[in-house]
Amino acid sequence: MTEKSKSLGERGEEIAVNFLKKNRYKILFRNYRCKFGEIDIIAQHKKTLAFIEVKTRSSEAYGLPQEAVQSKKQKKISWVALEFIQRYKLEDRAARFDIVAIQFSGKGYNVNLIENAFELAVFF
């Protein structure tokens, strides 16, 4: 990852956290890591756990930000979410996978929250 894309990603995560807080999400973890990978944000929204991937783009050259969360990434996020649920004994809690897509432009940026963006994707 280049320094430029890292700083863009970090800016995107800050924007996402502020946006989620304004929309009544309680941020539980940022950059949660385990042996399976990482989830950008784990939050509580009402009574539901939300596992949130943040994707940020500075142009549309590579498509929309949310299009980058393909099946391989969904599988990795799913494994991390299952590990988190087991570690904290939250098996009885409703959960979902959201994406926060942030698109920068000359006029600033646009934030798109996609709730229930994908289903649990654990394949053997």
N, C-alpha and C. Protein backbone atom coordinates (compact mmCIF):
# COMPACT_ATOMS: atom_id res chain seq x y z
N MET A 1 0.86 -1.18 0.00
CA MET A 1 0.00 0.00 0.00
C MET A 1 0.90 1.23 0.00
N THR A 2 0.59 2.14 -0.87
CA THR A 2 1.40 3.36 -0.95
C THR A 2 1.01 4.31 0.17
N GLU A 3 1.89 5.25 0.46
CA GLU A 3 1.62 6.25 1.50
C GLU A 3 0.39 7.07 1.15
N LYS A 4 0.24 7.39 -0.16
CA LYS A 4 -0.91 8.17 -0.59
C LYS A 4 -2.22 7.42 -0.35
N SER A 5 -2.27 6.12 -0.72
CA SER A 5 -3.51 5.36 -0.53
C SER A 5 -3.77 5.10 0.95
N LYS A 6 -2.71 4.94 1.75
CA LYS A 6 -2.90 4.76 3.18
C LYS A 6 -3.53 6.00 3.79
N SER A 7 -3.02 7.17 3.43
CA SER A 7 -3.59 8.38 4.01
C SER A 7 -5.01 8.60 3.51
N LEU A 8 -5.31 8.24 2.27
CA LEU A 8 -6.67 8.33 1.76
C LEU A 8 -7.58 7.39 2.54
N GLY A 9 -7.10 6.16 2.78
CA GLY A 9 -7.88 5.20 3.55
C GLY A 9 -8.11 5.66 4.98
N GLU A 10 -7.09 6.23 5.59
CA GLU A 10 -7.24 6.74 6.96
C GLU A 10 -8.23 7.89 7.01
N ARG A 11 -8.16 8.79 6.03
CA ARG A 11 -9.14 9.89 5.95
C ARG A 11 -10.55 9.33 5.80
N GLY A 12 -10.67 8.33 4.95
CA GLY A 12 -11.97 7.70 4.74
C GLY A 12 -12.52 7.08 6.01
N GLU A 13 -11.67 6.40 6.77
CA GLU A 13 -12.14 5.79 8.02
C GLU A 13 -12.58 6.84 9.03
N GLU A 14 -11.87 7.96 9.10
CA GLU A 14 -12.28 9.04 10.01
C GLU A 14 -13.65 9.59 9.60
N ILE A 15 -13.83 9.81 8.31
CA ILE A 15 -15.11 10.30 7.81
C ILE A 15 -16.21 9.29 8.12
N ALA A 16 -15.91 8.01 7.90
CA ALA A 16 -16.89 6.95 8.16
C ALA A 16 -17.31 6.92 9.63
N VAL A 17 -16.33 6.99 10.53
CA VAL A 17 -16.63 6.96 11.96
C VAL A 17 -17.53 8.13 12.35
N ASN A 18 -17.20 9.33 11.89
CA ASN A 18 -18.02 10.50 12.20
C ASN A 18 -19.42 10.35 11.63
N PHE A 19 -19.53 9.86 10.40
CA PHE A 19 -20.82 9.64 9.76
C PHE A 19 -21.65 8.62 10.56
N LEU A 20 -21.02 7.52 10.95
CA LEU A 20 -21.73 6.48 11.70
C LEU A 20 -22.21 7.00 13.05
N LYS A 21 -21.36 7.74 13.74
CA LYS A 21 -21.75 8.30 15.04
C LYS A 21 -22.96 9.22 14.88
N LYS A 22 -22.98 10.04 13.83
CA LYS A 22 -24.11 10.93 13.59
C LYS A 22 -25.38 10.15 13.29
N ASN A 23 -25.22 8.92 12.81
CA ASN A 23 -26.36 8.07 12.50
C ASN A 23 -26.63 7.03 13.59
N ARG A 24 -26.19 7.35 14.79
CA ARG A 24 -26.48 6.59 16.00
C ARG A 24 -25.86 5.20 16.06
N TYR A 25 -24.72 5.05 15.45
CA TYR A 25 -23.93 3.83 15.61
C TYR A 25 -23.00 4.05 16.80
N LYS A 26 -22.86 3.04 17.64
CA LYS A 26 -21.90 3.10 18.74
C LYS A 26 -20.67 2.32 18.28
N ILE A 27 -19.55 2.99 18.14
CA ILE A 27 -18.32 2.37 17.67
C ILE A 27 -17.75 1.52 18.80
N LEU A 28 -17.58 0.23 18.56
CA LEU A 28 -17.02 -0.68 19.55
C LEU A 28 -15.53 -0.91 19.33
N PHE A 29 -15.14 -1.13 18.06
CA PHE A 29 -13.73 -1.36 17.71
C PHE A 29 -13.44 -0.71 16.37
N ARG A 30 -12.20 -0.26 16.23
CA ARG A 30 -11.68 0.17 14.93
C ARG A 30 -10.49 -0.71 14.61
N ASN A 31 -10.39 -1.11 13.37
CA ASN A 31 -9.29 -1.95 12.91
C ASN A 31 -9.11 -3.18 13.80
N TYR A 32 -10.20 -3.91 14.01
CA TYR A 32 -10.16 -5.14 14.80
C TYR A 32 -9.39 -6.20 14.01
N ARG A 33 -8.37 -6.78 14.63
CA ARG A 33 -7.53 -7.77 13.97
C ARG A 33 -7.53 -9.09 14.73
N CYS A 34 -7.46 -10.16 13.96
CA CYS A 34 -7.27 -11.50 14.51
C CYS A 34 -6.51 -12.31 13.46
N LYS A 35 -6.35 -13.60 13.69
CA LYS A 35 -5.56 -14.42 12.76
C LYS A 35 -6.19 -14.52 11.37
N PHE A 36 -7.46 -14.22 11.24
CA PHE A 36 -8.13 -14.33 9.94
C PHE A 36 -8.06 -13.05 9.11
N GLY A 37 -7.74 -11.93 9.76
CA GLY A 37 -7.69 -10.67 9.03
C GLY A 37 -8.13 -9.49 9.89
N GLU A 38 -8.76 -8.51 9.24
CA GLU A 38 -9.13 -7.27 9.91
C GLU A 38 -10.50 -6.80 9.43
N ILE A 39 -11.21 -6.17 10.34
CA ILE A 39 -12.45 -5.46 10.02
C ILE A 39 -12.23 -4.00 10.40
N ASP A 40 -12.59 -3.10 9.49
CA ASP A 40 -12.34 -1.68 9.72
C ASP A 40 -13.05 -1.16 10.96
N ILE A 41 -14.35 -1.44 11.06
CA ILE A 41 -15.15 -0.92 12.18
C ILE A 41 -16.14 -1.98 12.63
N ILE A 42 -16.24 -2.17 13.94
CA ILE A 42 -17.31 -2.98 14.52
C ILE A 42 -18.12 -2.02 15.37
N ALA A 43 -19.42 -1.98 15.11
CA ALA A 43 -20.28 -1.03 15.81
C ALA A 43 -21.58 -1.70 16.22
N GLN A 44 -22.29 -1.03 17.09
CA GLN A 44 -23.63 -1.45 17.44
C GLN A 44 -24.59 -0.43 16.87
N HIS A 45 -25.60 -0.91 16.16
CA HIS A 45 -26.64 -0.04 15.62
C HIS A 45 -27.97 -0.59 16.12
N LYS A 46 -28.57 0.14 17.02
CA LYS A 46 -29.74 -0.33 17.75
C LYS A 46 -29.32 -1.60 18.48
N LYS A 47 -29.93 -2.75 18.19
CA LYS A 47 -29.54 -3.98 18.89
C LYS A 47 -28.74 -4.92 17.99
N THR A 48 -28.24 -4.40 16.89
CA THR A 48 -27.53 -5.23 15.91
C THR A 48 -26.05 -4.89 15.86
N LEU A 49 -25.22 -5.94 15.81
CA LEU A 49 -23.79 -5.74 15.58
C LEU A 49 -23.58 -5.48 14.10
N ALA A 50 -22.83 -4.46 13.78
CA ALA A 50 -22.53 -4.14 12.39
C ALA A 50 -21.03 -4.28 12.17
N PHE A 51 -20.67 -5.15 11.25
CA PHE A 51 -19.28 -5.32 10.83
C PHE A 51 -19.14 -4.50 9.56
N ILE A 52 -18.30 -3.47 9.62
CA ILE A 52 -18.31 -2.44 8.58
C ILE A 52 -16.97 -2.36 7.87
N GLU A 53 -17.03 -2.48 6.56
CA GLU A 53 -15.86 -2.29 5.70
C GLU A 53 -15.96 -0.88 5.11
N VAL A 54 -14.87 -0.14 5.18
CA VAL A 54 -14.83 1.21 4.64
C VAL A 54 -13.98 1.17 3.37
N LYS A 55 -14.53 1.68 2.28
CA LYS A 55 -13.80 1.76 1.02
C LYS A 55 -13.84 3.21 0.54
N THR A 56 -12.67 3.73 0.21
CA THR A 56 -12.53 5.13 -0.19
C THR A 56 -11.86 5.20 -1.55
N ARG A 57 -12.37 6.07 -2.41
CA ARG A 57 -11.78 6.27 -3.74
C ARG A 57 -11.63 7.77 -3.99
N SER A 58 -10.56 8.11 -4.70
CA SER A 58 -10.34 9.51 -5.07
C SER A 58 -10.79 9.78 -6.50
N SER A 59 -11.12 8.71 -7.23
CA SER A 59 -11.66 8.87 -8.58
C SER A 59 -12.49 7.63 -8.91
N GLU A 60 -13.18 7.67 -10.04
CA GLU A 60 -13.98 6.53 -10.46
C GLU A 60 -13.23 5.63 -11.44
N ALA A 61 -11.93 5.84 -11.57
CA ALA A 61 -11.12 5.07 -12.53
C ALA A 61 -11.19 3.57 -12.28
N TYR A 62 -11.32 3.17 -11.02
CA TYR A 62 -11.38 1.75 -10.68
C TYR A 62 -12.77 1.33 -10.24
N GLY A 63 -13.78 2.11 -10.58
CA GLY A 63 -15.15 1.78 -10.21
C GLY A 63 -15.55 2.41 -8.89
N LEU A 64 -16.75 2.08 -8.46
CA LEU A 64 -17.27 2.60 -7.20
C LEU A 64 -16.57 1.92 -6.03
N PRO A 65 -16.44 2.62 -4.92
CA PRO A 65 -15.73 2.03 -3.77
C PRO A 65 -16.29 0.68 -3.33
N GLN A 66 -17.61 0.59 -3.25
CA GLN A 66 -18.24 -0.64 -2.76
C GLN A 66 -17.99 -1.84 -3.67
N GLU A 67 -17.66 -1.59 -4.93
CA GLU A 67 -17.39 -2.69 -5.86
C GLU A 67 -16.09 -3.42 -5.51
N ALA A 68 -15.27 -2.83 -4.68
CA ALA A 68 -14.01 -3.46 -4.27
C ALA A 68 -14.22 -4.53 -3.20
N VAL A 69 -15.40 -4.61 -2.63
CA VAL A 69 -15.68 -5.61 -1.60
C VAL A 69 -16.29 -6.84 -2.30
N GLN A 70 -15.42 -7.60 -2.93
CA GLN A 70 -15.85 -8.77 -3.69
C GLN A 70 -15.81 -10.01 -2.81
N SER A 71 -16.10 -11.16 -3.39
CA SER A 71 -16.30 -12.39 -2.61
C SER A 71 -15.10 -12.76 -1.73
N LYS A 72 -13.88 -12.57 -2.21
CA LYS A 72 -12.71 -12.91 -1.39
C LYS A 72 -12.67 -12.04 -0.14
N LYS A 73 -12.91 -10.75 -0.29
CA LYS A 73 -12.92 -9.82 0.85
C LYS A 73 -14.10 -10.14 1.78
N GLN A 74 -15.25 -10.46 1.22
CA GLN A 74 -16.42 -10.81 2.02
C GLN A 74 -16.14 -12.05 2.88
N LYS A 75 -15.46 -13.02 2.29
CA LYS A 75 -15.12 -14.25 3.02
C LYS A 75 -14.20 -13.92 4.20
N LYS A 76 -13.18 -13.10 3.96
CA LYS A 76 -12.24 -12.73 5.02
C LYS A 76 -12.96 -11.98 6.15
N ILE A 77 -13.79 -11.03 5.79
CA ILE A 77 -14.56 -10.27 6.79
C ILE A 77 -15.47 -11.20 7.58
N SER A 78 -16.08 -12.15 6.90
CA SER A 78 -16.98 -13.11 7.55
C SER A 78 -16.23 -13.94 8.60
N TRP A 79 -15.04 -14.42 8.26
CA TRP A 79 -14.25 -15.20 9.21
C TRP A 79 -13.87 -14.36 10.42
N VAL A 80 -13.48 -13.13 10.20
CA VAL A 80 -13.12 -12.24 11.32
C VAL A 80 -14.34 -11.99 12.20
N ALA A 81 -15.49 -11.77 11.57
CA ALA A 81 -16.73 -11.54 12.33
C ALA A 81 -17.08 -12.75 13.19
N LEU A 82 -16.96 -13.95 12.63
CA LEU A 82 -17.25 -15.16 13.40
C LEU A 82 -16.30 -15.31 14.58
N GLU A 83 -15.02 -15.00 14.37
CA GLU A 83 -14.05 -15.07 15.46
C GLU A 83 -14.43 -14.08 16.56
N PHE A 84 -14.80 -12.86 16.16
CA PHE A 84 -15.19 -11.82 17.12
C PHE A 84 -16.41 -12.28 17.93
N ILE A 85 -17.41 -12.78 17.24
CA ILE A 85 -18.65 -13.24 17.90
C ILE A 85 -18.35 -14.35 18.91
N GLN A 86 -17.50 -15.29 18.52
CA GLN A 86 -17.15 -16.37 19.46
C GLN A 86 -16.31 -15.86 20.62
N ARG A 87 -15.34 -15.01 20.33
CA ARG A 87 -14.45 -14.49 21.38
C ARG A 87 -15.24 -13.76 22.46
N TYR A 88 -16.22 -12.97 22.06
CA TYR A 88 -17.00 -12.17 23.02
C TYR A 88 -18.34 -12.79 23.37
N LYS A 89 -18.53 -14.05 22.95
CA LYS A 89 -19.74 -14.81 23.29
C LYS A 89 -21.02 -14.05 22.93
N LEU A 90 -21.09 -13.62 21.68
CA LEU A 90 -22.22 -12.82 21.20
C LEU A 90 -23.08 -13.59 20.20
N GLU A 91 -23.09 -14.92 20.33
CA GLU A 91 -23.81 -15.75 19.38
C GLU A 91 -25.31 -15.45 19.31
N ASP A 92 -25.85 -14.89 20.39
CA ASP A 92 -27.28 -14.59 20.41
C ASP A 92 -27.62 -13.21 19.86
N ARG A 93 -26.63 -12.47 19.42
CA ARG A 93 -26.83 -11.10 18.92
C ARG A 93 -27.05 -11.09 17.42
N ALA A 94 -27.99 -10.30 16.97
CA ALA A 94 -28.19 -10.11 15.53
C ALA A 94 -26.97 -9.40 14.97
N ALA A 95 -26.58 -9.75 13.74
CA ALA A 95 -25.40 -9.13 13.13
C ALA A 95 -25.63 -8.95 11.64
N ARG A 96 -24.89 -8.00 11.08
CA ARG A 96 -24.96 -7.76 9.64
C ARG A 96 -23.64 -7.18 9.15
N PHE A 97 -23.50 -7.15 7.83
CA PHE A 97 -22.30 -6.61 7.20
C PHE A 97 -22.68 -5.37 6.40
N ASP A 98 -22.05 -4.26 6.74
CA ASP A 98 -22.31 -2.99 6.07
C ASP A 98 -21.04 -2.54 5.35
N ILE A 99 -21.23 -1.67 4.37
CA ILE A 99 -20.12 -1.01 3.70
C ILE A 99 -20.35 0.49 3.76
N VAL A 100 -19.31 1.23 4.10
CA VAL A 100 -19.34 2.68 3.97
C VAL A 100 -18.44 3.01 2.79
N ALA A 101 -19.05 3.51 1.72
CA ALA A 101 -18.33 3.86 0.50
C ALA A 101 -18.15 5.37 0.45
N ILE A 102 -16.91 5.81 0.33
CA ILE A 102 -16.61 7.24 0.31
C ILE A 102 -15.93 7.57 -1.02
N GLN A 103 -16.53 8.52 -1.72
CA GLN A 103 -16.00 8.94 -3.02
C GLN A 103 -15.61 10.41 -2.94
N PHE A 104 -14.31 10.67 -3.08
CA PHE A 104 -13.84 12.05 -3.11
C PHE A 104 -14.00 12.61 -4.52
N SER A 105 -14.25 13.90 -4.58
CA SER A 105 -14.32 14.59 -5.87
C SER A 105 -13.79 16.01 -5.67
N GLY A 106 -13.81 16.79 -6.72
CA GLY A 106 -13.37 18.17 -6.62
C GLY A 106 -14.22 19.00 -5.67
N LYS A 107 -15.44 18.54 -5.41
CA LYS A 107 -16.38 19.28 -4.54
C LYS A 107 -16.37 18.79 -3.09
N GLY A 108 -15.49 17.88 -2.77
CA GLY A 108 -15.48 17.32 -1.42
C GLY A 108 -15.58 15.81 -1.48
N TYR A 109 -16.59 15.26 -0.81
CA TYR A 109 -16.75 13.82 -0.82
C TYR A 109 -18.22 13.46 -0.61
N ASN A 110 -18.55 12.24 -1.00
CA ASN A 110 -19.89 11.69 -0.83
C ASN A 110 -19.77 10.41 -0.01
N VAL A 111 -20.64 10.24 0.98
CA VAL A 111 -20.66 9.05 1.81
C VAL A 111 -21.92 8.25 1.51
N ASN A 112 -21.73 6.96 1.25
CA ASN A 112 -22.85 6.06 0.96
C ASN A 112 -22.77 4.89 1.94
N LEU A 113 -23.76 4.79 2.83
CA LEU A 113 -23.84 3.68 3.77
C LEU A 113 -24.73 2.60 3.16
N ILE A 114 -24.17 1.41 3.02
CA ILE A 114 -24.92 0.28 2.47
C ILE A 114 -25.09 -0.74 3.60
N GLU A 115 -26.28 -0.75 4.19
CA GLU A 115 -26.58 -1.71 5.25
C GLU A 115 -26.88 -3.06 4.62
N ASN A 116 -26.52 -4.13 5.33
CA ASN A 116 -26.74 -5.49 4.81
C ASN A 116 -26.16 -5.64 3.41
N ALA A 117 -24.94 -5.18 3.23
CA ALA A 117 -24.31 -5.17 1.91
C ALA A 117 -24.06 -6.57 1.36
N PHE A 118 -23.82 -7.53 2.27
CA PHE A 118 -23.64 -8.90 1.83
C PHE A 118 -23.96 -9.84 2.99
N GLU A 119 -24.15 -11.12 2.65
CA GLU A 119 -24.46 -12.15 3.63
C GLU A 119 -23.17 -12.78 4.14
N LEU A 120 -23.27 -13.52 5.24
CA LEU A 120 -22.14 -14.27 5.76
C LEU A 120 -21.59 -15.14 4.64
N ALA A 121 -20.30 -15.05 4.40
CA ALA A 121 -19.69 -15.74 3.25
C ALA A 121 -18.54 -16.62 3.74
N VAL A 122 -18.87 -17.75 4.33
CA VAL A 122 -17.85 -18.66 4.81
C VAL A 122 -17.94 -19.94 4.00
N PHE A 123 -16.93 -20.16 3.17
CA PHE A 123 -16.88 -21.35 2.35
C PHE A 123 -15.65 -22.15 2.74
N PHE A 124 -15.75 -23.43 2.66
CA PHE A 124 -14.62 -24.29 3.02
C PHE A 124 -13.90 -24.77 1.80
